[in-house]
């Protein structure tokens, strides 16, 4: 599939960050957060950004087998951590939307999408493994195996989110939503705003660390 200009920009930025070898985790995390907060937070946008990031990682580690392990690990962990933040933002969006909308099944679909984020993460890394050299494939597959054994950040956050959402209060029937598309749009807008707030709080200038 041909990348759109925004996706290509993400791929290029991630590739350059990985190739630089300097503070790869923070660079990639900032790129992903910026991409996700530039629009509404929905699975379509998350998938497009994640796909572009995966391509950037693959291009970044290509041809540098000697340093690929550390660069890949930092980039992949940045993707994992950022998807976990997105899962948290999605959970908060659903909790907020639950008091404003009546299409309960749409909220359930949104909750299921959180669960799909870990699969998206692993699928993206598997594509990196398939497209690289044997050395790269071994590095990526070792990372995937470790993530499956010990649990990824996004997988752990998804479990926390789903546990928090299982006891949602009954949705208000005072406000009717005309269609599932409207509900999805509302969720994406709320989620985008929440994610932006989280991203801003993570900036070094706002950190107490």
N, C-alpha and C. Protein backbone atom coordinates (compact mmCIF):
# COMPACT_ATOMS: atom_id res chain seq x y z
N UNK A 1 0.84 -1.18 0.00
CA UNK A 1 0.00 0.00 0.00
C UNK A 1 0.88 1.24 0.00
N UNK A 2 0.57 2.19 -0.85
CA UNK A 2 1.34 3.43 -0.93
C UNK A 2 1.04 4.30 0.28
N UNK A 3 2.08 4.83 0.89
CA UNK A 3 1.89 5.68 2.05
C UNK A 3 1.42 7.07 1.63
N UNK A 4 0.58 7.67 2.48
CA UNK A 4 0.21 9.06 2.27
C UNK A 4 1.38 9.92 2.74
N UNK A 5 1.32 11.22 2.43
CA UNK A 5 2.41 12.12 2.82
C UNK A 5 2.67 12.11 4.32
N UNK A 6 1.61 12.19 5.16
CA UNK A 6 1.87 12.15 6.61
C UNK A 6 2.53 10.85 7.05
N UNK A 7 2.07 9.72 6.49
CA UNK A 7 2.67 8.44 6.84
C UNK A 7 4.13 8.38 6.41
N UNK A 8 4.41 8.87 5.22
CA UNK A 8 5.78 8.87 4.72
C UNK A 8 6.67 9.73 5.61
N UNK A 9 6.13 10.82 6.09
CA UNK A 9 6.89 11.70 6.98
C UNK A 9 7.23 10.96 8.28
N UNK A 10 6.27 10.21 8.81
CA UNK A 10 6.51 9.42 10.02
C UNK A 10 7.59 8.38 9.77
N UNK A 11 7.46 7.66 8.65
CA UNK A 11 8.44 6.63 8.31
C UNK A 11 9.84 7.22 8.21
N UNK A 12 9.95 8.35 7.51
CA UNK A 12 11.25 9.00 7.33
C UNK A 12 11.84 9.45 8.67
N UNK A 13 10.99 10.02 9.51
CA UNK A 13 11.47 10.53 10.80
C UNK A 13 11.94 9.39 11.70
N UNK A 14 11.18 8.30 11.72
CA UNK A 14 11.57 7.14 12.54
C UNK A 14 12.85 6.51 12.00
N UNK A 15 12.94 6.38 10.68
CA UNK A 15 14.15 5.84 10.06
C UNK A 15 15.38 6.64 10.47
N UNK A 16 15.27 7.95 10.38
CA UNK A 16 16.40 8.81 10.72
C UNK A 16 16.75 8.71 12.20
N UNK A 17 15.74 8.60 13.04
CA UNK A 17 15.97 8.49 14.48
C UNK A 17 16.71 7.19 14.80
N UNK A 18 16.27 6.09 14.18
CA UNK A 18 16.90 4.79 14.42
C UNK A 18 18.33 4.79 13.91
N UNK A 19 18.53 5.35 12.73
CA UNK A 19 19.88 5.40 12.15
C UNK A 19 20.83 6.25 12.98
N UNK A 20 20.29 7.29 13.62
CA UNK A 20 21.13 8.20 14.40
C UNK A 20 21.76 7.50 15.59
N UNK A 21 21.02 6.53 16.17
CA UNK A 21 21.52 5.81 17.32
C UNK A 21 21.56 6.64 18.59
N UNK A 22 21.08 7.87 18.55
CA UNK A 22 21.13 8.77 19.70
C UNK A 22 19.74 8.93 20.32
N UNK A 23 19.61 8.48 21.56
CA UNK A 23 18.35 8.62 22.29
C UNK A 23 17.16 8.16 21.44
N UNK A 24 17.32 6.99 20.84
CA UNK A 24 16.32 6.48 19.89
C UNK A 24 14.94 6.36 20.53
N UNK A 25 14.90 5.85 21.76
CA UNK A 25 13.60 5.65 22.42
C UNK A 25 12.82 6.95 22.52
N UNK A 26 13.45 8.00 23.01
CA UNK A 26 12.75 9.28 23.18
C UNK A 26 12.39 9.89 21.85
N UNK A 27 13.30 9.81 20.88
CA UNK A 27 13.01 10.37 19.56
C UNK A 27 11.79 9.71 18.93
N UNK A 28 11.77 8.38 18.94
CA UNK A 28 10.67 7.64 18.32
C UNK A 28 9.36 7.86 19.08
N UNK A 29 9.45 7.88 20.40
CA UNK A 29 8.25 8.12 21.21
C UNK A 29 7.65 9.48 20.89
N UNK A 30 8.49 10.50 20.77
CA UNK A 30 8.01 11.85 20.45
C UNK A 30 7.36 11.89 19.07
N UNK A 31 7.97 11.18 18.12
CA UNK A 31 7.41 11.13 16.75
C UNK A 31 6.02 10.51 16.76
N UNK A 32 5.89 9.41 17.48
CA UNK A 32 4.60 8.70 17.51
C UNK A 32 3.53 9.53 18.21
N UNK A 33 3.88 10.10 19.35
CA UNK A 33 2.91 10.92 20.08
C UNK A 33 2.46 12.11 19.24
N UNK A 34 3.39 12.73 18.55
CA UNK A 34 3.04 13.87 17.69
C UNK A 34 2.09 13.43 16.58
N UNK A 35 2.37 12.26 16.00
CA UNK A 35 1.52 11.75 14.92
C UNK A 35 0.13 11.40 15.42
N UNK A 36 0.04 10.76 16.58
CA UNK A 36 -1.25 10.35 17.11
C UNK A 36 -2.09 11.52 17.59
N UNK A 37 -1.42 12.57 18.07
CA UNK A 37 -2.17 13.73 18.59
C UNK A 37 -2.49 14.75 17.52
N UNK A 38 -2.04 14.49 16.29
CA UNK A 38 -2.35 15.42 15.20
C UNK A 38 -3.76 15.19 14.65
N UNK A 39 -4.39 14.10 15.07
CA UNK A 39 -5.75 13.80 14.62
C UNK A 39 -6.55 13.18 15.74
N UNK A 40 -7.71 12.65 15.42
CA UNK A 40 -8.53 11.99 16.42
C UNK A 40 -7.94 10.61 16.74
N UNK A 41 -8.19 10.16 17.95
CA UNK A 41 -7.63 8.88 18.39
C UNK A 41 -8.62 7.75 18.06
N UNK A 42 -8.44 7.12 16.91
CA UNK A 42 -9.24 5.96 16.56
C UNK A 42 -8.32 4.88 16.00
N UNK A 43 -8.84 3.66 15.87
CA UNK A 43 -7.99 2.54 15.48
C UNK A 43 -7.45 2.70 14.08
N UNK A 44 -8.20 3.36 13.20
CA UNK A 44 -7.71 3.56 11.84
C UNK A 44 -6.44 4.42 11.86
N UNK A 45 -6.47 5.49 12.63
CA UNK A 45 -5.31 6.37 12.73
C UNK A 45 -4.15 5.65 13.44
N UNK A 46 -4.47 4.92 14.50
CA UNK A 46 -3.44 4.18 15.24
C UNK A 46 -2.75 3.16 14.33
N UNK A 47 -3.54 2.45 13.53
CA UNK A 47 -2.98 1.45 12.61
C UNK A 47 -2.08 2.10 11.57
N UNK A 48 -2.52 3.22 11.01
CA UNK A 48 -1.72 3.89 9.99
C UNK A 48 -0.40 4.39 10.56
N UNK A 49 -0.47 4.97 11.76
CA UNK A 49 0.75 5.47 12.39
C UNK A 49 1.69 4.31 12.73
N UNK A 50 1.12 3.25 13.30
CA UNK A 50 1.94 2.10 13.69
C UNK A 50 2.59 1.45 12.47
N UNK A 51 1.85 1.35 11.37
CA UNK A 51 2.40 0.79 10.14
C UNK A 51 3.56 1.63 9.64
N UNK A 52 3.39 2.95 9.66
CA UNK A 52 4.45 3.85 9.21
C UNK A 52 5.68 3.75 10.11
N UNK A 53 5.45 3.61 11.41
CA UNK A 53 6.55 3.47 12.37
C UNK A 53 7.30 2.17 12.12
N UNK A 54 6.55 1.09 11.88
CA UNK A 54 7.19 -0.20 11.59
C UNK A 54 8.09 -0.13 10.37
N UNK A 55 7.62 0.55 9.33
CA UNK A 55 8.44 0.70 8.12
C UNK A 55 9.69 1.53 8.41
N UNK A 56 9.53 2.56 9.23
CA UNK A 56 10.68 3.38 9.59
C UNK A 56 11.72 2.62 10.38
N UNK A 57 11.25 1.78 11.30
CA UNK A 57 12.17 0.95 12.09
C UNK A 57 12.92 -0.01 11.17
N UNK A 58 12.18 -0.65 10.27
CA UNK A 58 12.80 -1.60 9.34
C UNK A 58 13.86 -0.93 8.48
N UNK A 59 13.54 0.26 7.97
CA UNK A 59 14.51 0.99 7.14
C UNK A 59 15.69 1.48 7.97
N UNK A 60 15.43 1.82 9.23
CA UNK A 60 16.48 2.34 10.08
C UNK A 60 17.52 1.31 10.48
N UNK A 61 17.07 0.07 10.71
CA UNK A 61 18.01 -0.98 11.14
C UNK A 61 18.64 -1.69 9.95
N UNK A 62 18.10 -1.50 8.76
CA UNK A 62 18.65 -2.15 7.57
C UNK A 62 20.09 -1.72 7.34
N UNK A 63 20.95 -2.69 7.12
CA UNK A 63 22.33 -2.40 6.78
C UNK A 63 23.22 -2.04 7.96
N UNK A 64 22.69 -2.09 9.18
CA UNK A 64 23.54 -1.79 10.33
C UNK A 64 23.37 -2.88 11.39
N UNK A 65 23.65 -4.12 10.96
CA UNK A 65 23.45 -5.29 11.82
C UNK A 65 24.20 -5.18 13.15
N UNK A 66 25.39 -4.58 13.12
CA UNK A 66 26.22 -4.51 14.32
C UNK A 66 25.53 -3.74 15.45
N UNK A 67 24.85 -2.67 15.09
CA UNK A 67 24.20 -1.83 16.10
C UNK A 67 22.67 -1.99 16.09
N UNK A 68 22.20 -2.93 15.30
CA UNK A 68 20.76 -3.03 15.11
C UNK A 68 20.02 -3.43 16.37
N UNK A 69 20.60 -4.30 17.18
CA UNK A 69 19.88 -4.83 18.34
C UNK A 69 19.46 -3.73 19.28
N UNK A 70 20.37 -2.86 19.66
CA UNK A 70 20.05 -1.80 20.61
C UNK A 70 19.10 -0.77 19.99
N UNK A 71 19.37 -0.40 18.73
CA UNK A 71 18.52 0.58 18.07
C UNK A 71 17.10 0.05 17.91
N UNK A 72 16.99 -1.22 17.51
CA UNK A 72 15.66 -1.83 17.36
C UNK A 72 14.94 -1.90 18.70
N UNK A 73 15.66 -2.36 19.72
CA UNK A 73 15.05 -2.50 21.05
C UNK A 73 14.48 -1.17 21.53
N UNK A 74 15.26 -0.11 21.37
CA UNK A 74 14.79 1.20 21.82
C UNK A 74 13.58 1.67 21.03
N UNK A 75 13.61 1.47 19.72
CA UNK A 75 12.50 1.92 18.87
C UNK A 75 11.24 1.10 19.14
N UNK A 76 11.40 -0.22 19.26
CA UNK A 76 10.25 -1.09 19.51
C UNK A 76 9.64 -0.82 20.88
N UNK A 77 10.49 -0.58 21.87
CA UNK A 77 9.99 -0.26 23.20
C UNK A 77 9.26 1.07 23.20
N UNK A 78 9.74 2.02 22.41
CA UNK A 78 9.06 3.31 22.29
C UNK A 78 7.66 3.13 21.70
N UNK A 79 7.55 2.27 20.68
CA UNK A 79 6.25 1.99 20.08
C UNK A 79 5.33 1.32 21.10
N UNK A 80 5.86 0.35 21.82
CA UNK A 80 5.10 -0.36 22.84
C UNK A 80 4.59 0.62 23.90
N UNK A 81 5.49 1.44 24.42
CA UNK A 81 5.13 2.39 25.47
C UNK A 81 4.08 3.39 24.99
N UNK A 82 4.22 3.85 23.75
CA UNK A 82 3.29 4.85 23.24
C UNK A 82 1.92 4.25 22.96
N UNK A 83 1.87 3.03 22.48
CA UNK A 83 0.58 2.36 22.30
C UNK A 83 -0.10 2.13 23.65
N UNK A 84 0.70 1.89 24.68
CA UNK A 84 0.13 1.73 26.03
C UNK A 84 -0.51 3.05 26.48
N UNK A 85 0.15 4.17 26.17
CA UNK A 85 -0.42 5.48 26.49
C UNK A 85 -1.71 5.70 25.72
N UNK A 86 -1.72 5.28 24.45
CA UNK A 86 -2.92 5.40 23.62
C UNK A 86 -4.06 4.56 24.19
N UNK A 87 -3.72 3.37 24.70
CA UNK A 87 -4.74 2.50 25.30
C UNK A 87 -5.33 3.16 26.54
N UNK A 88 -4.47 3.79 27.34
CA UNK A 88 -4.94 4.50 28.53
C UNK A 88 -5.86 5.66 28.14
N UNK A 89 -5.46 6.41 27.12
CA UNK A 89 -6.28 7.54 26.65
C UNK A 89 -7.62 7.03 26.12
N UNK A 90 -7.61 5.91 25.42
CA UNK A 90 -8.85 5.34 24.88
C UNK A 90 -9.77 4.91 26.02
N UNK A 91 -9.20 4.32 27.06
CA UNK A 91 -10.00 3.91 28.21
C UNK A 91 -10.68 5.11 28.85
N UNK A 92 -9.90 6.18 29.05
CA UNK A 92 -10.46 7.38 29.66
C UNK A 92 -11.54 8.00 28.78
N UNK A 93 -11.33 7.92 27.47
CA UNK A 93 -12.33 8.46 26.53
C UNK A 93 -13.63 7.69 26.63
N UNK A 94 -13.53 6.38 26.72
CA UNK A 94 -14.74 5.54 26.83
C UNK A 94 -15.47 5.85 28.13
N UNK A 95 -14.70 5.99 29.21
CA UNK A 95 -15.33 6.29 30.50
C UNK A 95 -16.05 7.63 30.46
N UNK A 96 -15.43 8.62 29.79
CA UNK A 96 -16.07 9.93 29.68
C UNK A 96 -17.28 9.86 28.77
N UNK A 97 -17.14 9.14 27.65
CA UNK A 97 -18.23 9.06 26.67
C UNK A 97 -19.42 8.29 27.23
N UNK A 98 -19.16 7.39 28.16
CA UNK A 98 -20.24 6.55 28.71
C UNK A 98 -21.32 7.39 29.38
N UNK A 99 -20.96 8.58 29.81
CA UNK A 99 -21.94 9.45 30.45
C UNK A 99 -22.64 10.36 29.44
N UNK A 100 -22.22 10.29 28.18
CA UNK A 100 -22.73 11.24 27.19
C UNK A 100 -23.46 10.59 26.02
N UNK A 101 -23.24 9.30 25.80
CA UNK A 101 -23.84 8.66 24.62
C UNK A 101 -24.68 7.47 25.02
N UNK A 102 -25.48 6.99 24.08
CA UNK A 102 -26.38 5.89 24.39
C UNK A 102 -26.10 4.63 23.59
N UNK A 103 -25.19 4.70 22.65
CA UNK A 103 -24.91 3.53 21.81
C UNK A 103 -23.89 2.64 22.50
N UNK A 104 -24.37 1.81 23.42
CA UNK A 104 -23.48 1.02 24.27
C UNK A 104 -22.60 0.07 23.45
N UNK A 105 -23.16 -0.51 22.41
CA UNK A 105 -22.38 -1.46 21.61
C UNK A 105 -21.18 -0.81 20.97
N UNK A 106 -21.30 0.47 20.64
CA UNK A 106 -20.17 1.18 20.05
C UNK A 106 -19.05 1.35 21.06
N UNK A 107 -19.41 1.56 22.31
CA UNK A 107 -18.40 1.66 23.36
C UNK A 107 -17.75 0.29 23.57
N UNK A 108 -18.54 -0.76 23.46
CA UNK A 108 -17.97 -2.10 23.56
C UNK A 108 -16.98 -2.36 22.43
N UNK A 109 -17.33 -1.90 21.24
CA UNK A 109 -16.41 -2.05 20.10
C UNK A 109 -15.12 -1.29 20.37
N UNK A 110 -15.25 -0.11 20.96
CA UNK A 110 -14.06 0.68 21.27
C UNK A 110 -13.20 -0.01 22.31
N UNK A 111 -13.85 -0.64 23.29
CA UNK A 111 -13.10 -1.37 24.31
C UNK A 111 -12.37 -2.56 23.69
N UNK A 112 -13.02 -3.23 22.75
CA UNK A 112 -12.37 -4.35 22.07
C UNK A 112 -11.17 -3.88 21.26
N UNK A 113 -11.25 -2.67 20.73
CA UNK A 113 -10.14 -2.11 19.95
C UNK A 113 -8.90 -1.95 20.82
N UNK A 114 -9.09 -1.62 22.09
CA UNK A 114 -7.96 -1.51 23.02
C UNK A 114 -7.25 -2.85 23.11
N UNK A 115 -8.03 -3.91 23.18
CA UNK A 115 -7.47 -5.26 23.28
C UNK A 115 -6.67 -5.61 22.03
N UNK A 116 -7.07 -5.06 20.89
CA UNK A 116 -6.40 -5.35 19.62
C UNK A 116 -5.05 -4.65 19.48
N UNK A 117 -4.78 -3.68 20.34
CA UNK A 117 -3.54 -2.90 20.19
C UNK A 117 -2.29 -3.75 20.37
N UNK A 118 -2.33 -4.73 21.27
CA UNK A 118 -1.14 -5.57 21.46
C UNK A 118 -0.89 -6.41 20.21
N UNK A 119 -1.96 -6.93 19.62
CA UNK A 119 -1.82 -7.72 18.39
C UNK A 119 -1.24 -6.86 17.28
N UNK A 120 -1.69 -5.61 17.21
CA UNK A 120 -1.17 -4.66 16.22
C UNK A 120 0.32 -4.45 16.43
N UNK A 121 0.74 -4.32 17.67
CA UNK A 121 2.15 -4.12 18.01
C UNK A 121 2.99 -5.31 17.56
N UNK A 122 2.56 -6.53 17.91
CA UNK A 122 3.31 -7.74 17.55
C UNK A 122 3.32 -7.93 16.04
N UNK A 123 2.18 -7.71 15.38
CA UNK A 123 2.11 -7.86 13.92
C UNK A 123 3.09 -6.92 13.23
N UNK A 124 3.19 -5.70 13.75
CA UNK A 124 4.09 -4.71 13.16
C UNK A 124 5.54 -5.17 13.27
N UNK A 125 5.91 -5.70 14.43
CA UNK A 125 7.28 -6.18 14.62
C UNK A 125 7.57 -7.39 13.74
N UNK A 126 6.58 -8.26 13.57
CA UNK A 126 6.77 -9.44 12.72
C UNK A 126 7.05 -9.03 11.27
N UNK A 127 6.43 -7.93 10.83
CA UNK A 127 6.69 -7.44 9.47
C UNK A 127 8.13 -6.94 9.35
N UNK A 128 8.64 -6.32 10.43
CA UNK A 128 10.03 -5.87 10.43
C UNK A 128 10.96 -7.07 10.29
N UNK A 129 10.64 -8.15 11.01
CA UNK A 129 11.47 -9.36 10.96
C UNK A 129 11.48 -9.97 9.56
N UNK A 130 10.32 -10.02 8.93
CA UNK A 130 10.22 -10.64 7.60
C UNK A 130 10.94 -9.84 6.53
N UNK A 131 11.02 -8.53 6.72
CA UNK A 131 11.60 -7.69 5.68
C UNK A 131 13.08 -7.44 5.84
N UNK A 132 13.70 -7.96 6.88
CA UNK A 132 15.11 -7.68 7.12
C UNK A 132 16.01 -8.87 6.91
N UNK A 133 17.27 -8.68 7.24
CA UNK A 133 18.26 -9.76 7.13
C UNK A 133 18.02 -10.80 8.22
N UNK A 134 18.76 -11.89 8.16
CA UNK A 134 18.61 -12.93 9.17
C UNK A 134 19.00 -12.41 10.55
N UNK A 135 20.03 -11.58 10.59
CA UNK A 135 20.46 -10.99 11.86
C UNK A 135 19.33 -10.15 12.45
N UNK A 136 18.73 -9.31 11.62
CA UNK A 136 17.62 -8.47 12.07
C UNK A 136 16.44 -9.34 12.50
N UNK A 137 16.14 -10.36 11.71
CA UNK A 137 15.02 -11.26 12.03
C UNK A 137 15.23 -11.91 13.39
N UNK A 138 16.46 -12.33 13.67
CA UNK A 138 16.76 -12.97 14.96
C UNK A 138 16.57 -11.98 16.11
N UNK A 139 17.04 -10.75 15.91
CA UNK A 139 16.90 -9.71 16.94
C UNK A 139 15.42 -9.43 17.22
N UNK A 140 14.65 -9.26 16.14
CA UNK A 140 13.23 -8.94 16.29
C UNK A 140 12.47 -10.10 16.93
N UNK A 141 12.73 -11.31 16.47
CA UNK A 141 12.02 -12.47 17.00
C UNK A 141 12.34 -12.72 18.47
N UNK A 142 13.58 -12.43 18.87
CA UNK A 142 13.94 -12.55 20.29
C UNK A 142 13.14 -11.54 21.12
N UNK A 143 13.01 -10.33 20.57
CA UNK A 143 12.25 -9.29 21.27
C UNK A 143 10.78 -9.69 21.38
N UNK A 144 10.22 -10.22 20.29
CA UNK A 144 8.81 -10.65 20.29
C UNK A 144 8.60 -11.77 21.31
N UNK A 145 9.51 -12.74 21.32
CA UNK A 145 9.39 -13.85 22.27
C UNK A 145 9.41 -13.34 23.71
N UNK A 146 10.31 -12.39 23.97
CA UNK A 146 10.40 -11.82 25.31
C UNK A 146 9.11 -11.08 25.68
N UNK A 147 8.56 -10.34 24.71
CA UNK A 147 7.32 -9.60 24.95
C UNK A 147 6.17 -10.54 25.26
N UNK A 148 6.14 -11.67 24.58
CA UNK A 148 5.07 -12.64 24.80
C UNK A 148 5.21 -13.32 26.16
N UNK A 149 6.46 -13.55 26.57
CA UNK A 149 6.69 -14.22 27.85
C UNK A 149 6.41 -13.29 29.04
N UNK A 150 6.98 -12.09 28.96
CA UNK A 150 6.89 -11.18 30.10
C UNK A 150 5.75 -10.18 29.99
N UNK A 151 5.17 -10.07 28.79
CA UNK A 151 4.07 -9.13 28.58
C UNK A 151 4.57 -7.79 28.09
N UNK A 152 3.90 -7.26 27.07
CA UNK A 152 4.26 -5.95 26.54
C UNK A 152 3.60 -4.86 27.37
N UNK A 153 4.11 -3.65 27.27
CA UNK A 153 3.51 -2.52 27.99
C UNK A 153 2.08 -2.28 27.53
N UNK A 154 1.86 -2.36 26.22
CA UNK A 154 0.51 -2.11 25.71
C UNK A 154 -0.43 -3.25 26.11
N UNK A 155 0.08 -4.48 26.15
CA UNK A 155 -0.75 -5.61 26.58
C UNK A 155 -1.18 -5.47 28.03
N UNK A 156 -0.24 -5.07 28.87
CA UNK A 156 -0.55 -4.89 30.30
C UNK A 156 -1.54 -3.75 30.50
N UNK A 157 -1.34 -2.65 29.76
CA UNK A 157 -2.26 -1.51 29.88
C UNK A 157 -3.64 -1.86 29.37
N UNK A 158 -3.70 -2.69 28.32
CA UNK A 158 -4.99 -3.12 27.78
C UNK A 158 -5.77 -3.91 28.82
N UNK A 159 -5.09 -4.78 29.56
CA UNK A 159 -5.75 -5.56 30.61
C UNK A 159 -6.28 -4.64 31.72
N UNK A 160 -5.47 -3.66 32.09
CA UNK A 160 -5.89 -2.70 33.11
C UNK A 160 -7.12 -1.93 32.63
N UNK A 161 -7.06 -1.50 31.37
CA UNK A 161 -8.16 -0.71 30.80
C UNK A 161 -9.44 -1.53 30.74
N UNK A 162 -9.35 -2.75 30.26
CA UNK A 162 -10.54 -3.59 30.13
C UNK A 162 -11.13 -3.92 31.49
N UNK A 163 -10.27 -4.10 32.48
CA UNK A 163 -10.75 -4.38 33.84
C UNK A 163 -11.51 -3.17 34.38
N UNK A 164 -10.98 -1.97 34.10
CA UNK A 164 -11.61 -0.75 34.58
C UNK A 164 -12.95 -0.49 33.88
N UNK A 165 -13.06 -0.96 32.63
CA UNK A 165 -14.26 -0.69 31.84
C UNK A 165 -15.38 -1.70 32.06
N UNK A 166 -15.05 -2.83 32.66
CA UNK A 166 -16.07 -3.89 32.77
C UNK A 166 -17.24 -3.50 33.66
N UNK A 167 -17.01 -2.55 34.56
CA UNK A 167 -18.07 -2.13 35.47
C UNK A 167 -18.56 -0.72 35.17
N UNK A 168 -18.53 -0.36 33.89
CA UNK A 168 -19.03 0.96 33.51
C UNK A 168 -20.47 1.16 33.97
N UNK A 169 -20.79 2.34 34.44
CA UNK A 169 -22.19 2.61 34.81
C UNK A 169 -23.06 2.58 33.57
N UNK A 170 -24.34 2.37 33.78
CA UNK A 170 -25.27 2.36 32.65
C UNK A 170 -25.19 3.70 31.93
N UNK A 171 -25.23 3.62 30.63
CA UNK A 171 -25.09 4.83 29.82
C UNK A 171 -26.38 5.65 29.85
N UNK A 172 -26.18 6.94 29.96
CA UNK A 172 -27.33 7.84 30.01
C UNK A 172 -28.17 7.73 28.74
N UNK A 173 -29.48 7.70 28.90
CA UNK A 173 -30.37 7.67 27.73
C UNK A 173 -30.91 9.06 27.42
N UNK A 174 -30.41 10.05 28.15
CA UNK A 174 -30.90 11.41 27.93
C UNK A 174 -30.39 11.99 26.62
N UNK A 175 -29.18 11.57 26.25
CA UNK A 175 -28.59 12.10 25.02
C UNK A 175 -28.52 10.97 24.00
N UNK A 176 -29.20 11.12 22.89
CA UNK A 176 -29.22 10.09 21.87
C UNK A 176 -28.20 10.40 20.79
N UNK A 177 -27.52 9.36 20.31
CA UNK A 177 -26.58 9.52 19.21
C UNK A 177 -27.21 8.91 17.97
N UNK A 178 -27.20 9.66 16.88
CA UNK A 178 -27.96 9.25 15.70
C UNK A 178 -27.39 8.04 14.99
N UNK A 179 -26.09 7.81 15.12
CA UNK A 179 -25.49 6.69 14.41
C UNK A 179 -24.23 6.23 15.10
N UNK A 180 -23.79 5.01 14.76
CA UNK A 180 -22.55 4.49 15.33
C UNK A 180 -21.37 5.34 14.90
N UNK A 181 -21.45 5.89 13.68
CA UNK A 181 -20.37 6.74 13.19
C UNK A 181 -20.21 7.97 14.07
N UNK A 182 -21.34 8.50 14.52
CA UNK A 182 -21.29 9.67 15.40
C UNK A 182 -20.64 9.30 16.73
N UNK A 183 -20.97 8.13 17.24
CA UNK A 183 -20.38 7.67 18.49
C UNK A 183 -18.88 7.49 18.34
N UNK A 184 -18.48 6.84 17.26
CA UNK A 184 -17.06 6.61 17.02
C UNK A 184 -16.31 7.93 16.89
N UNK A 185 -16.94 8.89 16.20
CA UNK A 185 -16.32 10.19 16.03
C UNK A 185 -16.16 10.91 17.36
N UNK A 186 -17.20 10.81 18.20
CA UNK A 186 -17.14 11.44 19.52
C UNK A 186 -16.02 10.83 20.36
N UNK A 187 -15.94 9.52 20.33
CA UNK A 187 -14.89 8.83 21.08
C UNK A 187 -13.51 9.24 20.60
N UNK A 188 -13.34 9.27 19.29
CA UNK A 188 -12.04 9.62 18.71
C UNK A 188 -11.63 11.04 19.09
N UNK A 189 -12.60 11.95 19.10
CA UNK A 189 -12.31 13.34 19.45
C UNK A 189 -11.93 13.45 20.93
N UNK A 190 -12.70 12.79 21.78
CA UNK A 190 -12.40 12.81 23.21
C UNK A 190 -11.04 12.19 23.47
N UNK A 191 -10.80 11.03 22.84
CA UNK A 191 -9.53 10.33 23.03
C UNK A 191 -8.35 11.15 22.57
N UNK A 192 -8.52 11.85 21.45
CA UNK A 192 -7.44 12.68 20.94
C UNK A 192 -7.07 13.79 21.92
N UNK A 193 -8.10 14.39 22.51
CA UNK A 193 -7.85 15.45 23.48
C UNK A 193 -7.15 14.94 24.72
N UNK A 194 -7.58 13.77 25.19
CA UNK A 194 -6.95 13.17 26.37
C UNK A 194 -5.51 12.81 26.09
N UNK A 195 -5.26 12.20 24.93
CA UNK A 195 -3.90 11.81 24.57
C UNK A 195 -2.99 13.04 24.47
N UNK A 196 -3.52 14.12 23.92
CA UNK A 196 -2.74 15.35 23.81
C UNK A 196 -2.34 15.86 25.19
N UNK A 197 -3.28 15.78 26.13
CA UNK A 197 -2.98 16.19 27.50
C UNK A 197 -1.90 15.33 28.13
N UNK A 198 -1.98 14.01 27.90
CA UNK A 198 -0.97 13.09 28.43
C UNK A 198 0.39 13.39 27.79
N UNK A 199 0.38 13.59 26.48
CA UNK A 199 1.63 13.86 25.76
C UNK A 199 2.29 15.13 26.28
N UNK A 200 1.50 16.16 26.51
CA UNK A 200 2.05 17.42 27.00
C UNK A 200 2.63 17.26 28.40
N UNK A 201 1.99 16.41 29.21
CA UNK A 201 2.49 16.19 30.57
C UNK A 201 3.81 15.43 30.59
N UNK A 202 4.10 14.72 29.48
CA UNK A 202 5.33 13.93 29.40
C UNK A 202 6.51 14.74 28.88
N UNK A 203 6.26 15.97 28.43
CA UNK A 203 7.36 16.79 27.93
C UNK A 203 8.31 17.13 29.07
N UNK A 204 9.61 17.10 28.79
CA UNK A 204 10.62 17.36 29.84
C UNK A 204 10.37 18.64 30.63
N UNK A 205 9.90 19.69 29.96
CA UNK A 205 9.68 20.98 30.63
C UNK A 205 8.57 20.92 31.65
N UNK A 206 7.68 19.90 31.49
CA UNK A 206 6.56 19.76 32.43
C UNK A 206 6.79 18.64 33.42
N UNK A 207 7.97 18.06 33.37
CA UNK A 207 8.24 16.90 34.22
C UNK A 207 8.87 17.34 35.54
N UNK A 208 8.55 16.60 36.57
CA UNK A 208 9.15 16.86 37.88
C UNK A 208 10.38 16.01 38.11
N UNK A 209 10.70 15.18 37.09
CA UNK A 209 11.84 14.29 37.24
C UNK A 209 13.14 15.09 37.22
